[in-house]
Amino acid sequence: MARRAGKAASRKARQRNVPRTPRPVRSPAPEAVAVPPVGTPDALEAGSLDPPRRTTPVTYGVGGSSVLSTRERAEYHYVERDLHNIGILSLLMVVLLVAAYFLFNALGLVN
């Protein structure tokens, strides 16, 4: 019976170590990016290399709260939505509690 092409003849041949092409070595990132002087045409492009700065400074009050920038607030939009929903549910519970108090007093179910 003839063997199919491309199939290893023995188990040892199937497990042999085939050298792969070496991957190019990545050079480490430079420590600091050289920024051209202010008067050069590349100065505007170099400004985009700087990391983004906070629009508002972080301040810590007595309670340890912080002030977030507009970008950071946009990232935590779900927290603001959850706080809004919690506020609405709390208000609804207070209204129901007050309504139940007056209803129980009107029906004489309270001693």
Protein backbone atom coordinates (compact mmCIF):
# COMPACT_ATOMS: atom_id res chain seq x y z
CA MET A 1 0.00 0.00 0.00
CA ALA A 2 1.41 3.37 -0.98
CA ARG A 3 1.86 6.07 1.62
CA ARG A 4 0.31 9.47 1.23
CA ALA A 5 2.60 12.40 0.54
CA GLY A 6 3.43 14.67 3.46
CA LYS A 7 2.83 12.10 6.16
CA ALA A 8 5.71 11.29 8.47
CA ALA A 9 7.14 7.80 8.12
CA SER A 10 7.49 7.17 11.84
CA ARG A 11 6.51 8.56 15.18
CA LYS A 12 10.01 9.92 15.72
CA ALA A 13 9.81 11.77 12.41
CA ARG A 14 6.50 13.32 13.43
CA GLN A 15 7.98 14.60 16.70
CA ARG A 16 11.23 15.98 15.32
CA ASN A 17 12.16 19.53 16.13
CA VAL A 18 11.64 21.77 13.11
CA PRO A 19 13.45 25.09 13.54
CA ARG A 20 11.21 28.07 13.01
CA THR A 21 12.18 31.41 11.61
CA PRO A 22 13.34 33.62 14.49
CA ARG A 23 11.11 36.49 15.45
CA PRO A 24 12.59 39.97 15.20
CA VAL A 25 13.73 41.28 18.55
CA ARG A 26 11.75 44.32 19.64
CA SER A 27 13.81 47.15 20.93
CA PRO A 28 12.71 48.56 24.28
CA ALA A 29 10.66 51.74 24.19
CA PRO A 30 12.71 54.91 24.63
CA GLU A 31 12.66 56.43 28.10
CA ALA A 32 11.74 59.91 26.96
CA VAL A 33 10.55 61.26 23.63
CA ALA A 34 12.65 64.09 22.30
CA VAL A 35 10.49 67.20 21.92
CA PRO A 36 11.64 69.77 19.38
CA PRO A 37 12.06 73.40 20.43
CA VAL A 38 9.02 75.67 20.45
CA GLY A 39 9.87 77.57 17.26
CA THR A 40 10.18 74.53 14.94
CA PRO A 41 7.44 73.22 12.61
CA ASP A 42 7.37 69.89 14.48
CA ALA A 43 6.47 71.58 17.76
CA LEU A 44 2.71 71.21 17.16
CA GLU A 45 3.07 67.53 16.38
CA ALA A 46 5.26 67.03 19.44
CA GLY A 47 2.50 68.45 21.64
CA SER A 48 0.35 65.46 20.69
CA LEU A 49 3.07 63.12 22.06
CA ASP A 50 2.56 64.40 25.59
CA PRO A 51 0.25 62.32 27.79
CA PRO A 52 -3.21 63.84 28.31
CA ARG A 53 -3.42 66.20 31.24
CA ARG A 54 -6.23 66.48 33.73
CA THR A 55 -8.67 69.27 33.06
CA THR A 56 -9.45 69.60 36.74
CA PRO A 57 -7.07 68.83 39.58
CA VAL A 58 -7.85 66.07 42.02
CA THR A 59 -8.78 67.52 45.37
CA TYR A 60 -9.44 65.53 48.47
CA GLY A 61 -11.89 66.89 50.97
CA VAL A 62 -12.74 65.82 54.47
CA GLY A 63 -14.66 62.79 53.21
CA GLY A 64 -11.89 61.74 50.83
CA SER A 65 -13.91 62.45 47.69
CA SER A 66 -12.21 63.44 44.43
CA VAL A 67 -13.18 65.59 41.49
CA LEU A 68 -13.09 63.80 38.12
CA SER A 69 -12.31 65.32 34.74
CA THR A 70 -14.94 65.27 32.02
CA ARG A 71 -13.23 62.34 30.30
CA GLU A 72 -13.14 60.36 33.52
CA ARG A 73 -16.79 61.16 34.21
CA ALA A 74 -17.67 59.87 30.75
CA GLU A 75 -15.92 56.58 31.54
CA TYR A 76 -18.00 56.19 34.71
CA HIS A 77 -21.36 57.12 33.18
CA TYR A 78 -22.92 53.93 34.52
CA VAL A 79 -22.13 54.99 38.11
CA GLU A 80 -23.98 58.25 37.62
CA ARG A 81 -26.92 56.38 36.09
CA ASP A 82 -26.98 53.93 39.01
CA LEU A 83 -26.91 56.76 41.55
CA HIS A 84 -29.80 58.40 39.71
CA ASN A 85 -31.80 55.15 39.84
CA ILE A 86 -30.99 54.67 43.54
CA GLY A 87 -32.21 58.21 44.27
CA ILE A 88 -35.49 57.62 42.44
CA LEU A 89 -36.08 54.32 44.24
CA SER A 90 -35.28 55.88 47.62
CA LEU A 91 -37.71 58.72 46.96
CA LEU A 92 -40.38 56.22 45.89
CA MET A 93 -39.87 54.20 49.11
CA VAL A 94 -40.19 57.33 51.26
CA VAL A 95 -43.42 58.31 49.48
CA LEU A 96 -44.84 54.80 49.96
CA LEU A 97 -43.84 54.82 53.65
CA VAL A 98 -45.57 58.17 54.25
CA ALA A 99 -48.67 57.00 52.32
CA ALA A 100 -48.78 53.77 54.37
CA TYR A 101 -48.47 55.76 57.63
CA PHE A 102 -51.46 57.97 56.75
CA LEU A 103 -53.47 54.99 55.42
CA PHE A 104 -52.91 52.94 58.59
CA ASN A 105 -53.85 55.93 60.77
CA ALA A 106 -57.00 56.59 58.70
CA LEU A 107 -58.12 52.97 58.96
CA GLY A 108 -57.39 52.82 62.69
CA LEU A 109 -54.93 49.97 62.39
CA VAL A 110 -52.35 51.77 64.55
CA ASN A 111 -52.79 51.78 68.37
